[in-house]
Amino acid sequence: NGLPFNTHRTSVTFQSEWLKWLAGFAKVGLGTAVNHKPPKGLAPYLA
């Protein structure tokens, strides 16, 4: 929308199929992102 944004993200993922009857995964990410849909009259901003 005509504005430059610098964002970052750090993530960790773990997954396993160690047991034949059970498999799983977990993932978490932290960082910043752009709010692309702010209220009317407000420009997009970093969150």
ModelCIF file with pLDDT and N, C-alpha, C, O atoms, coordinates in Angstrom:
data_MODEL
#
_entry.id   MODEL 
#
_entity.id                         1 
_entity.type                       polymer 
_entity.pdbx_number_of_molecules   1 
#
_entity_poly.entity_id                      1 
_entity_poly.type                           'polypeptide(L)' 
_entity_poly.nstd_linkage                   no 
_entity_poly.nstd_monomer                   no 
_entity_poly.pdbx_seq_one_letter_code       NGLPFNTHRTSVTFQSEWLKWLAGFAKVGLGTAVNHKPPKGLAPYLA 
_entity_poly.pdbx_seq_one_letter_code_can   NGLPFNTHRTSVTFQSEWLKWLAGFAKVGLGTAVNHKPPKGLAPYLA 
_entity_poly.pdbx_strand_id                 A 
#
loop_
_entity_poly_seq.entity_id 
_entity_poly_seq.num 
_entity_poly_seq.mon_id 
_entity_poly_seq.hetero 
1 1  ASN n 
1 2  GLY n 
1 3  LEU n 
1 4  PRO n 
1 5  PHE n 
1 6  ASN n 
1 7  THR n 
1 8  HIS n 
1 9  ARG n 
1 10 THR n 
1 11 SER n 
1 12 VAL n 
1 13 THR n 
1 14 PHE n 
1 15 GLN n 
1 16 SER n 
1 17 GLU n 
1 18 TRP n 
1 19 LEU n 
1 20 LYS n 
1 21 TRP n 
1 22 LEU n 
1 23 ALA n 
1 24 GLY n 
1 25 PHE n 
1 26 ALA n 
1 27 LYS n 
1 28 VAL n 
1 29 GLY n 
1 30 LEU n 
1 31 GLY n 
1 32 THR n 
1 33 ALA n 
1 34 VAL n 
1 35 ASN n 
1 36 HIS n 
1 37 LYS n 
1 38 PRO n 
1 39 PRO n 
1 40 LYS n 
1 41 GLY n 
1 42 LEU n 
1 43 ALA n 
1 44 PRO n 
1 45 TYR n 
1 46 LEU n 
1 47 ALA n 
#
_struct_asym.id          A 
_struct_asym.entity_id   1 
#
loop_
_ma_qa_metric.id 
_ma_qa_metric.mode 
_ma_qa_metric.name 
_ma_qa_metric.software_group_id 
_ma_qa_metric.type 
1 global pLDDT . pLDDT 
2 local  pLDDT . pLDDT 
#
_ma_qa_metric_global.metric_id      1 
_ma_qa_metric_global.metric_value   94.21 
_ma_qa_metric_global.model_id       1 
_ma_qa_metric_global.ordinal_id     1 
#
loop_
_ma_qa_metric_local.label_asym_id 
_ma_qa_metric_local.label_comp_id 
_ma_qa_metric_local.label_seq_id 
_ma_qa_metric_local.metric_id 
_ma_qa_metric_local.metric_value 
_ma_qa_metric_local.model_id 
_ma_qa_metric_local.ordinal_id 
A ASN 1  2 91.00 1 1  
A GLY 2  2 90.00 1 2  
A LEU 3  2 93.00 1 3  
A PRO 4  2 95.00 1 4  
A PHE 5  2 95.00 1 5  
A ASN 6  2 96.00 1 6  
A THR 7  2 96.00 1 7  
A HIS 8  2 97.00 1 8  
A ARG 9  2 97.00 1 9  
A THR 10 2 98.00 1 10 
A SER 11 2 97.00 1 11 
A VAL 12 2 98.00 1 12 
A THR 13 2 97.00 1 13 
A PHE 14 2 97.00 1 14 
A GLN 15 2 97.00 1 15 
A SER 16 2 96.00 1 16 
A GLU 17 2 93.00 1 17 
A TRP 18 2 88.00 1 18 
A LEU 19 2 91.00 1 19 
A LYS 20 2 90.00 1 20 
A TRP 21 2 94.00 1 21 
A LEU 22 2 95.00 1 22 
A ALA 23 2 96.00 1 23 
A GLY 24 2 96.00 1 24 
A PHE 25 2 97.00 1 25 
A ALA 26 2 98.00 1 26 
A LYS 27 2 97.00 1 27 
A VAL 28 2 97.00 1 28 
A GLY 29 2 97.00 1 29 
A LEU 30 2 97.00 1 30 
A GLY 31 2 96.00 1 31 
A THR 32 2 96.00 1 32 
A ALA 33 2 96.00 1 33 
A VAL 34 2 95.00 1 34 
A ASN 35 2 94.00 1 35 
A HIS 36 2 93.00 1 36 
A LYS 37 2 92.00 1 37 
A PRO 38 2 92.00 1 38 
A PRO 39 2 90.00 1 39 
A LYS 40 2 89.00 1 40 
A GLY 41 2 87.00 1 41 
A LEU 42 2 88.00 1 42 
A ALA 43 2 91.00 1 43 
A PRO 44 2 93.00 1 44 
A TYR 45 2 92.00 1 45 
A LEU 46 2 94.00 1 46 
A ALA 47 2 94.00 1 47 
#
loop_
_atom_site.group_PDB 
_atom_site.id 
_atom_site.type_symbol 
_atom_site.label_atom_id 
_atom_site.label_alt_id 
_atom_site.label_comp_id 
_atom_site.label_asym_id 
_atom_site.label_entity_id 
_atom_site.label_seq_id 
_atom_site.pdbx_PDB_ins_code 
_atom_site.Cartn_x 
_atom_site.Cartn_y 
_atom_site.Cartn_z 
_atom_site.occupancy 
_atom_site.B_iso_or_equiv 
_atom_site.pdbx_formal_charge 
_atom_site.auth_seq_id 
_atom_site.auth_comp_id 
_atom_site.auth_asym_id 
_atom_site.auth_atom_id 
_atom_site.pdbx_PDB_model_num 
ATOM 1   N N  . ASN A 1 1  ? 0.820   -1.213  0.000  1.00 91.00 ? 1  ASN A N  1 
ATOM 2   C CA . ASN A 1 1  ? 0.000   0.000   0.000  1.00 91.00 ? 1  ASN A CA 1 
ATOM 3   C C  . ASN A 1 1  ? 0.858   1.269   0.000  1.00 91.00 ? 1  ASN A C  1 
ATOM 4   O O  . ASN A 1 1  ? 0.520   2.273   0.628  1.00 91.00 ? 1  ASN A O  1 
ATOM 5   N N  . GLY A 1 2  ? 1.981   1.189   -0.729 1.00 90.00 ? 2  GLY A N  1 
ATOM 6   C CA . GLY A 1 2  ? 2.856   2.339   -0.837 1.00 90.00 ? 2  GLY A CA 1 
ATOM 7   C C  . GLY A 1 2  ? 3.781   2.557   0.337  1.00 90.00 ? 2  GLY A C  1 
ATOM 8   O O  . GLY A 1 2  ? 4.468   3.577   0.392  1.00 90.00 ? 2  GLY A O  1 
ATOM 9   N N  . LEU A 1 3  ? 3.821   1.619   1.289  1.00 93.00 ? 3  LEU A N  1 
ATOM 10  C CA . LEU A 1 3  ? 4.649   1.764   2.481  1.00 93.00 ? 3  LEU A CA 1 
ATOM 11  C C  . LEU A 1 3  ? 5.627   0.602   2.592  1.00 93.00 ? 3  LEU A C  1 
ATOM 12  O O  . LEU A 1 3  ? 5.261   -0.536  2.296  1.00 93.00 ? 3  LEU A O  1 
ATOM 13  N N  . PRO A 1 4  ? 6.880   0.866   3.019  1.00 95.00 ? 4  PRO A N  1 
ATOM 14  C CA . PRO A 1 4  ? 7.854   -0.218  3.204  1.00 95.00 ? 4  PRO A CA 1 
ATOM 15  C C  . PRO A 1 4  ? 7.801   -0.749  4.637  1.00 95.00 ? 4  PRO A C  1 
ATOM 16  O O  . PRO A 1 4  ? 7.664   0.018   5.590  1.00 95.00 ? 4  PRO A O  1 
ATOM 17  N N  . PHE A 1 5  ? 7.911   -2.076  4.774  1.00 95.00 ? 5  PHE A N  1 
ATOM 18  C CA . PHE A 1 5  ? 7.899   -2.701  6.089  1.00 95.00 ? 5  PHE A CA 1 
ATOM 19  C C  . PHE A 1 5  ? 9.020   -3.733  6.158  1.00 95.00 ? 5  PHE A C  1 
ATOM 20  O O  . PHE A 1 5  ? 9.222   -4.513  5.227  1.00 95.00 ? 5  PHE A O  1 
ATOM 21  N N  . ASN A 1 6  ? 9.741   -3.727  7.271  1.00 96.00 ? 6  ASN A N  1 
ATOM 22  C CA . ASN A 1 6  ? 10.739  -4.745  7.559  1.00 96.00 ? 6  ASN A CA 1 
ATOM 23  C C  . ASN A 1 6  ? 10.223  -5.628  8.690  1.00 96.00 ? 6  ASN A C  1 
ATOM 24  O O  . ASN A 1 6  ? 9.916   -5.135  9.776  1.00 96.00 ? 6  ASN A O  1 
ATOM 25  N N  . THR A 1 7  ? 10.128  -6.924  8.438  1.00 96.00 ? 7  THR A N  1 
ATOM 26  C CA . THR A 1 7  ? 9.599   -7.857  9.420  1.00 96.00 ? 7  THR A CA 1 
ATOM 27  C C  . THR A 1 7  ? 10.618  -8.951  9.703  1.00 96.00 ? 7  THR A C  1 
ATOM 28  O O  . THR A 1 7  ? 11.579  -9.126  8.954  1.00 96.00 ? 7  THR A O  1 
ATOM 29  N N  . HIS A 1 8  ? 10.401  -9.682  10.787 1.00 97.00 ? 8  HIS A N  1 
ATOM 30  C CA . HIS A 1 8  ? 11.260  -10.811 11.124 1.00 97.00 ? 8  HIS A CA 1 
ATOM 31  C C  . HIS A 1 8  ? 10.428  -11.888 11.805 1.00 97.00 ? 8  HIS A C  1 
ATOM 32  O O  . HIS A 1 8  ? 9.335   -11.632 12.310 1.00 97.00 ? 8  HIS A O  1 
ATOM 33  N N  . ARG A 1 9  ? 10.973  -13.097 11.805 1.00 97.00 ? 9  ARG A N  1 
ATOM 34  C CA . ARG A 1 9  ? 10.269  -14.221 12.425 1.00 97.00 ? 9  ARG A CA 1 
ATOM 35  C C  . ARG A 1 9  ? 11.285  -15.279 12.827 1.00 97.00 ? 9  ARG A C  1 
ATOM 36  O O  . ARG A 1 9  ? 12.189  -15.606 12.058 1.00 97.00 ? 9  ARG A O  1 
ATOM 37  N N  . THR A 1 10 ? 11.132  -15.813 14.039 1.00 98.00 ? 10 THR A N  1 
ATOM 38  C CA . THR A 1 10 ? 11.938  -16.920 14.547 1.00 98.00 ? 10 THR A CA 1 
ATOM 39  C C  . THR A 1 10 ? 11.012  -18.091 14.836 1.00 98.00 ? 10 THR A C  1 
ATOM 40  O O  . THR A 1 10 ? 9.967   -17.917 15.463 1.00 98.00 ? 10 THR A O  1 
ATOM 41  N N  . SER A 1 11 ? 11.384  -19.271 14.386 1.00 97.00 ? 11 SER A N  1 
ATOM 42  C CA . SER A 1 11 ? 10.493  -20.426 14.529 1.00 97.00 ? 11 SER A CA 1 
ATOM 43  C C  . SER A 1 11 ? 11.262  -21.659 14.976 1.00 97.00 ? 11 SER A C  1 
ATOM 44  O O  . SER A 1 11 ? 12.459  -21.796 14.724 1.00 97.00 ? 11 SER A O  1 
ATOM 45  N N  . VAL A 1 12 ? 10.542  -22.551 15.644 1.00 98.00 ? 12 VAL A N  1 
ATOM 46  C CA . VAL A 1 12 ? 11.066  -23.849 16.067 1.00 98.00 ? 12 VAL A CA 1 
ATOM 47  C C  . VAL A 1 12 ? 10.015  -24.901 15.745 1.00 98.00 ? 12 VAL A C  1 
ATOM 48  O O  . VAL A 1 12 ? 8.835   -24.728 16.050 1.00 98.00 ? 12 VAL A O  1 
ATOM 49  N N  . THR A 1 13 ? 10.455  -25.992 15.127 1.00 97.00 ? 13 THR A N  1 
ATOM 50  C CA . THR A 1 13 ? 9.540   -27.070 14.745 1.00 97.00 ? 13 THR A CA 1 
ATOM 51  C C  . THR A 1 13 ? 10.097  -28.407 15.228 1.00 97.00 ? 13 THR A C  1 
ATOM 52  O O  . THR A 1 13 ? 11.290  -28.687 15.108 1.00 97.00 ? 13 THR A O  1 
ATOM 53  N N  . PHE A 1 14 ? 9.193   -29.226 15.781 1.00 97.00 ? 14 PHE A N  1 
ATOM 54  C CA . PHE A 1 14 ? 9.570   -30.587 16.184 1.00 97.00 ? 14 PHE A CA 1 
ATOM 55  C C  . PHE A 1 14 ? 8.495   -31.536 15.694 1.00 97.00 ? 14 PHE A C  1 
ATOM 56  O O  . PHE A 1 14 ? 7.304   -31.283 15.875 1.00 97.00 ? 14 PHE A O  1 
ATOM 57  N N  . GLN A 1 15 ? 8.912   -32.619 15.078 1.00 97.00 ? 15 GLN A N  1 
ATOM 58  C CA . GLN A 1 15 ? 7.965   -33.645 14.645 1.00 97.00 ? 15 GLN A CA 1 
ATOM 59  C C  . GLN A 1 15 ? 8.593   -35.018 14.793 1.00 97.00 ? 15 GLN A C  1 
ATOM 60  O O  . GLN A 1 15 ? 9.813   -35.174 14.729 1.00 97.00 ? 15 GLN A O  1 
ATOM 61  N N  . SER A 1 16 ? 7.736   -36.011 14.991 1.00 96.00 ? 16 SER A N  1 
ATOM 62  C CA . SER A 1 16 ? 8.241   -37.362 15.226 1.00 96.00 ? 16 SER A CA 1 
ATOM 63  C C  . SER A 1 16 ? 7.179   -38.394 14.880 1.00 96.00 ? 16 SER A C  1 
ATOM 64  O O  . SER A 1 16 ? 5.982   -38.176 15.068 1.00 96.00 ? 16 SER A O  1 
ATOM 65  N N  . GLU A 1 17 ? 7.656   -39.527 14.368 1.00 93.00 ? 17 GLU A N  1 
ATOM 66  C CA . GLU A 1 17 ? 6.830   -40.720 14.171 1.00 93.00 ? 17 GLU A CA 1 
ATOM 67  C C  . GLU A 1 17 ? 7.537   -41.893 14.858 1.00 93.00 ? 17 GLU A C  1 
ATOM 68  O O  . GLU A 1 17 ? 7.697   -42.965 14.275 1.00 93.00 ? 17 GLU A O  1 
ATOM 69  N N  . TRP A 1 18 ? 7.947   -41.672 16.084 1.00 88.00 ? 18 TRP A N  1 
ATOM 70  C CA . TRP A 1 18 ? 8.733   -42.656 16.814 1.00 88.00 ? 18 TRP A CA 1 
ATOM 71  C C  . TRP A 1 18 ? 7.952   -43.946 17.072 1.00 88.00 ? 18 TRP A C  1 
ATOM 72  O O  . TRP A 1 18 ? 8.521   -45.037 17.045 1.00 88.00 ? 18 TRP A O  1 
ATOM 73  N N  . LEU A 1 19 ? 6.649   -43.817 17.320 1.00 91.00 ? 19 LEU A N  1 
ATOM 74  C CA . LEU A 1 19 ? 5.798   -44.981 17.531 1.00 91.00 ? 19 LEU A CA 1 
ATOM 75  C C  . LEU A 1 19 ? 4.971   -45.247 16.283 1.00 91.00 ? 19 LEU A C  1 
ATOM 76  O O  . LEU A 1 19 ? 4.575   -44.314 15.584 1.00 91.00 ? 19 LEU A O  1 
ATOM 77  N N  . LYS A 1 20 ? 4.710   -46.521 16.003 1.00 90.00 ? 20 LYS A N  1 
ATOM 78  C CA . LYS A 1 20 ? 3.943   -46.859 14.809 1.00 90.00 ? 20 LYS A CA 1 
ATOM 79  C C  . LYS A 1 20 ? 2.506   -46.363 14.889 1.00 90.00 ? 20 LYS A C  1 
ATOM 80  O O  . LYS A 1 20 ? 1.903   -46.046 13.864 1.00 90.00 ? 20 LYS A O  1 
ATOM 81  N N  . TRP A 1 21 ? 1.950   -46.292 16.101 1.00 94.00 ? 21 TRP A N  1 
ATOM 82  C CA . TRP A 1 21 ? 0.552   -45.906 16.242 1.00 94.00 ? 21 TRP A CA 1 
ATOM 83  C C  . TRP A 1 21 ? 0.360   -44.433 16.606 1.00 94.00 ? 21 TRP A C  1 
ATOM 84  O O  . TRP A 1 21 ? -0.773  -43.971 16.735 1.00 94.00 ? 21 TRP A O  1 
ATOM 85  N N  . LEU A 1 22 ? 1.451   -43.701 16.772 1.00 95.00 ? 22 LEU A N  1 
ATOM 86  C CA . LEU A 1 22 ? 1.348   -42.313 17.197 1.00 95.00 ? 22 LEU A CA 1 
ATOM 87  C C  . LEU A 1 22 ? 2.409   -41.460 16.508 1.00 95.00 ? 22 LEU A C  1 
ATOM 88  O O  . LEU A 1 22 ? 3.588   -41.816 16.487 1.00 95.00 ? 22 LEU A O  1 
ATOM 89  N N  . ALA A 1 23 ? 1.981   -40.333 15.945 1.00 96.00 ? 23 ALA A N  1 
ATOM 90  C CA . ALA A 1 23 ? 2.880   -39.343 15.349 1.00 96.00 ? 23 ALA A CA 1 
ATOM 91  C C  . ALA A 1 23 ? 2.393   -37.959 15.734 1.00 96.00 ? 23 ALA A C  1 
ATOM 92  O O  . ALA A 1 23 ? 1.214   -37.763 16.028 1.00 96.00 ? 23 ALA A O  1 
ATOM 93  N N  . GLY A 1 24 ? 3.304   -37.004 15.730 1.00 96.00 ? 24 GLY A N  1 
ATOM 94  C CA . GLY A 1 24 ? 2.900   -35.663 16.117 1.00 96.00 ? 24 GLY A CA 1 
ATOM 95  C C  . GLY A 1 24 ? 3.898   -34.619 15.681 1.00 96.00 ? 24 GLY A C  1 
ATOM 96  O O  . GLY A 1 24 ? 5.028   -34.925 15.301 1.00 96.00 ? 24 GLY A O  1 
ATOM 97  N N  . PHE A 1 25 ? 3.453   -33.373 15.746 1.00 97.00 ? 25 PHE A N  1 
ATOM 98  C CA . PHE A 1 25 ? 4.344   -32.255 15.434 1.00 97.00 ? 25 PHE A CA 1 
ATOM 99  C C  . PHE A 1 25 ? 3.886   -31.042 16.238 1.00 97.00 ? 25 PHE A C  1 
ATOM 100 O O  . PHE A 1 25 ? 2.727   -30.939 16.641 1.00 97.00 ? 25 PHE A O  1 
ATOM 101 N N  . ALA A 1 26 ? 4.819   -30.137 16.457 1.00 98.00 ? 26 ALA A N  1 
ATOM 102 C CA . ALA A 1 26 ? 4.531   -28.874 17.140 1.00 98.00 ? 26 ALA A CA 1 
ATOM 103 C C  . ALA A 1 26 ? 5.413   -27.803 16.523 1.00 98.00 ? 26 ALA A C  1 
ATOM 104 O O  . ALA A 1 26 ? 6.586   -28.039 16.234 1.00 98.00 ? 26 ALA A O  1 
ATOM 105 N N  . LYS A 1 27 ? 4.839   -26.623 16.323 1.00 97.00 ? 27 LYS A N  1 
ATOM 106 C CA . LYS A 1 27 ? 5.568   -25.525 15.700 1.00 97.00 ? 27 LYS A CA 1 
ATOM 107 C C  . LYS A 1 27 ? 5.153   -24.223 16.343 1.00 97.00 ? 27 LYS A C  1 
ATOM 108 O O  . LYS A 1 27 ? 3.969   -24.009 16.606 1.00 97.00 ? 27 LYS A O  1 
ATOM 109 N N  . VAL A 1 28 ? 6.110   -23.348 16.599 1.00 97.00 ? 28 VAL A N  1 
ATOM 110 C CA . VAL A 1 28 ? 5.820   -22.044 17.176 1.00 97.00 ? 28 VAL A CA 1 
ATOM 111 C C  . VAL A 1 28 ? 6.689   -21.001 16.479 1.00 97.00 ? 28 VAL A C  1 
ATOM 112 O O  . VAL A 1 28 ? 7.854   -21.253 16.172 1.00 97.00 ? 28 VAL A O  1 
ATOM 113 N N  . GLY A 1 29 ? 6.108   -19.830 16.235 1.00 97.00 ? 29 GLY A N  1 
ATOM 114 C CA . GLY A 1 29 ? 6.832   -18.748 15.581 1.00 97.00 ? 29 GLY A CA 1 
ATOM 115 C C  . GLY A 1 29 ? 6.560   -17.418 16.268 1.00 97.00 ? 29 GLY A C  1 
ATOM 116 O O  . GLY A 1 29 ? 5.426   -17.139 16.657 1.00 97.00 ? 29 GLY A O  1 
ATOM 117 N N  . LEU A 1 30 ? 7.582   -16.606 16.417 1.00 97.00 ? 30 LEU A N  1 
ATOM 118 C CA . LEU A 1 30 ? 7.476   -15.287 17.041 1.00 97.00 ? 30 LEU A CA 1 
ATOM 119 C C  . LEU A 1 30 ? 8.173   -14.272 16.158 1.00 97.00 ? 30 LEU A C  1 
ATOM 120 O O  . LEU A 1 30 ? 9.218   -14.558 15.572 1.00 97.00 ? 30 LEU A O  1 
ATOM 121 N N  . GLY A 1 31 ? 7.585   -13.073 16.063 1.00 96.00 ? 31 GLY A N  1 
ATOM 122 C CA . GLY A 1 31 ? 8.218   -12.037 15.257 1.00 96.00 ? 31 GLY A CA 1 
ATOM 123 C C  . GLY A 1 31 ? 7.300   -10.859 15.057 1.00 96.00 ? 31 GLY A C  1 
ATOM 124 O O  . GLY A 1 31 ? 6.547   -10.477 15.953 1.00 96.00 ? 31 GLY A O  1 
ATOM 125 N N  . THR A 1 32 ? 7.367   -10.287 13.873 1.00 96.00 ? 32 THR A N  1 
ATOM 126 C CA . THR A 1 32 ? 6.537   -9.141  13.528 1.00 96.00 ? 32 THR A CA 1 
ATOM 127 C C  . THR A 1 32 ? 5.863   -9.400  12.189 1.00 96.00 ? 32 THR A C  1 
ATOM 128 O O  . THR A 1 32 ? 6.341   -10.197 11.382 1.00 96.00 ? 32 THR A O  1 
ATOM 129 N N  . ALA A 1 33 ? 4.748   -8.717  11.965 1.00 96.00 ? 33 ALA A N  1 
ATOM 130 C CA . ALA A 1 33 ? 4.003   -8.846  10.714 1.00 96.00 ? 33 ALA A CA 1 
ATOM 131 C C  . ALA A 1 33 ? 3.224   -7.559  10.485 1.00 96.00 ? 33 ALA A C  1 
ATOM 132 O O  . ALA A 1 33 ? 3.081   -6.738  11.392 1.00 96.00 ? 33 ALA A O  1 
ATOM 133 N N  . VAL A 1 34 ? 2.725   -7.391  9.273  1.00 95.00 ? 34 VAL A N  1 
ATOM 134 C CA . VAL A 1 34 ? 1.987   -6.185  8.899  1.00 95.00 ? 34 VAL A CA 1 
ATOM 135 C C  . VAL A 1 34 ? 0.497   -6.425  9.112  1.00 95.00 ? 34 VAL A C  1 
ATOM 136 O O  . VAL A 1 34 ? -0.032  -7.462  8.712  1.00 95.00 ? 34 VAL A O  1 
ATOM 137 N N  . ASN A 1 35 ? -0.170  -5.479  9.734  1.00 94.00 ? 35 ASN A N  1 
ATOM 138 C CA . ASN A 1 35 ? -1.627  -5.497  9.817  1.00 94.00 ? 35 ASN A CA 1 
ATOM 139 C C  . ASN A 1 35 ? -2.156  -4.918  8.508  1.00 94.00 ? 35 ASN A C  1 
ATOM 140 O O  . ASN A 1 35 ? -2.196  -3.700  8.334  1.00 94.00 ? 35 ASN A O  1 
ATOM 141 N N  . HIS A 1 36 ? -2.559  -5.791  7.592  1.00 93.00 ? 36 HIS A N  1 
ATOM 142 C CA . HIS A 1 36 ? -2.966  -5.360  6.260  1.00 93.00 ? 36 HIS A CA 1 
ATOM 143 C C  . HIS A 1 36 ? -4.361  -4.758  6.225  1.00 93.00 ? 36 HIS A C  1 
ATOM 144 O O  . HIS A 1 36 ? -4.711  -4.085  5.256  1.00 93.00 ? 36 HIS A O  1 
ATOM 145 N N  . LYS A 1 37 ? -5.164  -4.983  7.256  1.00 92.00 ? 37 LYS A N  1 
ATOM 146 C CA . LYS A 1 37 ? -6.524  -4.456  7.259  1.00 92.00 ? 37 LYS A CA 1 
ATOM 147 C C  . LYS A 1 37 ? -6.795  -3.629  8.511  1.00 92.00 ? 37 LYS A C  1 
ATOM 148 O O  . LYS A 1 37 ? -7.552  -4.054  9.383  1.00 92.00 ? 37 LYS A O  1 
ATOM 149 N N  . PRO A 1 38 ? -6.186  -2.458  8.604  1.00 92.00 ? 38 PRO A N  1 
ATOM 150 C CA . PRO A 1 38 ? -6.492  -1.586  9.740  1.00 92.00 ? 38 PRO A CA 1 
ATOM 151 C C  . PRO A 1 38 ? -7.854  -0.928  9.543  1.00 92.00 ? 38 PRO A C  1 
ATOM 152 O O  . PRO A 1 38 ? -8.427  -1.031  8.458  1.00 92.00 ? 38 PRO A O  1 
ATOM 153 N N  . PRO A 1 39 ? -8.390  -0.250  10.567 1.00 90.00 ? 39 PRO A N  1 
ATOM 154 C CA . PRO A 1 39 ? -9.669  0.450   10.397 1.00 90.00 ? 39 PRO A CA 1 
ATOM 155 C C  . PRO A 1 39 ? -9.551  1.557   9.354  1.00 90.00 ? 39 PRO A C  1 
ATOM 156 O O  . PRO A 1 39 ? -8.451  1.999   9.022  1.00 90.00 ? 39 PRO A O  1 
ATOM 157 N N  . LYS A 1 40 ? -10.693 1.994   8.845  1.00 89.00 ? 40 LYS A N  1 
ATOM 158 C CA . LYS A 1 40 ? -10.695 3.071   7.857  1.00 89.00 ? 40 LYS A CA 1 
ATOM 159 C C  . LYS A 1 40 ? -10.082 4.331   8.463  1.00 89.00 ? 40 LYS A C  1 
ATOM 160 O O  . LYS A 1 40 ? -10.347 4.688   9.611  1.00 89.00 ? 40 LYS A O  1 
ATOM 161 N N  . GLY A 1 41 ? -9.259  4.987   7.657  1.00 87.00 ? 41 GLY A N  1 
ATOM 162 C CA . GLY A 1 41 ? -8.592  6.180   8.118  1.00 87.00 ? 41 GLY A CA 1 
ATOM 163 C C  . GLY A 1 41 ? -7.253  5.933   8.775  1.00 87.00 ? 41 GLY A C  1 
ATOM 164 O O  . GLY A 1 41 ? -6.551  6.876   9.140  1.00 87.00 ? 41 GLY A O  1 
ATOM 165 N N  . LEU A 1 42 ? -6.889  4.648   8.930  1.00 88.00 ? 42 LEU A N  1 
ATOM 166 C CA . LEU A 1 42 ? -5.620  4.299   9.559  1.00 88.00 ? 42 LEU A CA 1 
ATOM 167 C C  . LEU A 1 42 ? -4.767  3.527   8.561  1.00 88.00 ? 42 LEU A C  1 
ATOM 168 O O  . LEU A 1 42 ? -5.250  2.586   7.931  1.00 88.00 ? 42 LEU A O  1 
ATOM 169 N N  . ALA A 1 43 ? -3.506  3.914   8.412  1.00 91.00 ? 43 ALA A N  1 
ATOM 170 C CA . ALA A 1 43 ? -2.607  3.246   7.467  1.00 91.00 ? 43 ALA A CA 1 
ATOM 171 C C  . ALA A 1 43 ? -2.162  1.903   8.025  1.00 91.00 ? 43 ALA A C  1 
ATOM 172 O O  . ALA A 1 43 ? -2.152  1.721   9.242  1.00 91.00 ? 43 ALA A O  1 
ATOM 173 N N  . PRO A 1 44 ? -1.789  0.948   7.157  1.00 93.00 ? 44 PRO A N  1 
ATOM 174 C CA . PRO A 1 44 ? -1.228  -0.327  7.641  1.00 93.00 ? 44 PRO A CA 1 
ATOM 175 C C  . PRO A 1 44 ? -0.030  -0.077  8.537  1.00 93.00 ? 44 PRO A C  1 
ATOM 176 O O  . PRO A 1 44 ? 0.724   0.873   8.324  1.00 93.00 ? 44 PRO A O  1 
ATOM 177 N N  . TYR A 1 45 ? 0.147   -0.925  9.538  1.00 92.00 ? 45 TYR A N  1 
ATOM 178 C CA . TYR A 1 45 ? 1.228   -0.720  10.498 1.00 92.00 ? 45 TYR A CA 1 
ATOM 179 C C  . TYR A 1 45 ? 1.815   -2.057  10.918 1.00 92.00 ? 45 TYR A C  1 
ATOM 180 O O  . TYR A 1 45 ? 1.231   -3.118  10.697 1.00 92.00 ? 45 TYR A O  1 
ATOM 181 N N  . LEU A 1 46 ? 2.996   -1.969  11.535 1.00 94.00 ? 46 LEU A N  1 
ATOM 182 C CA . LEU A 1 46 ? 3.722   -3.160  11.966 1.00 94.00 ? 46 LEU A CA 1 
ATOM 183 C C  . LEU A 1 46 ? 3.235   -3.595  13.348 1.00 94.00 ? 46 LEU A C  1 
ATOM 184 O O  . LEU A 1 46 ? 3.009   -2.760  14.224 1.00 94.00 ? 46 LEU A O  1 
ATOM 185 N N  . ALA A 1 47 ? 3.076   -4.905  13.537 1.00 94.00 ? 47 ALA A N  1 
ATOM 186 C CA . ALA A 1 47 ? 2.578   -5.446  14.800 1.00 94.00 ? 47 ALA A CA 1 
ATOM 187 C C  . ALA A 1 47 ? 3.396   -6.662  15.197 1.00 94.00 ? 47 ALA A C  1 
ATOM 188 O O  . ALA A 1 47 ? 3.137   -7.268  16.237 1.00 94.00 ? 47 ALA A O  1 
#
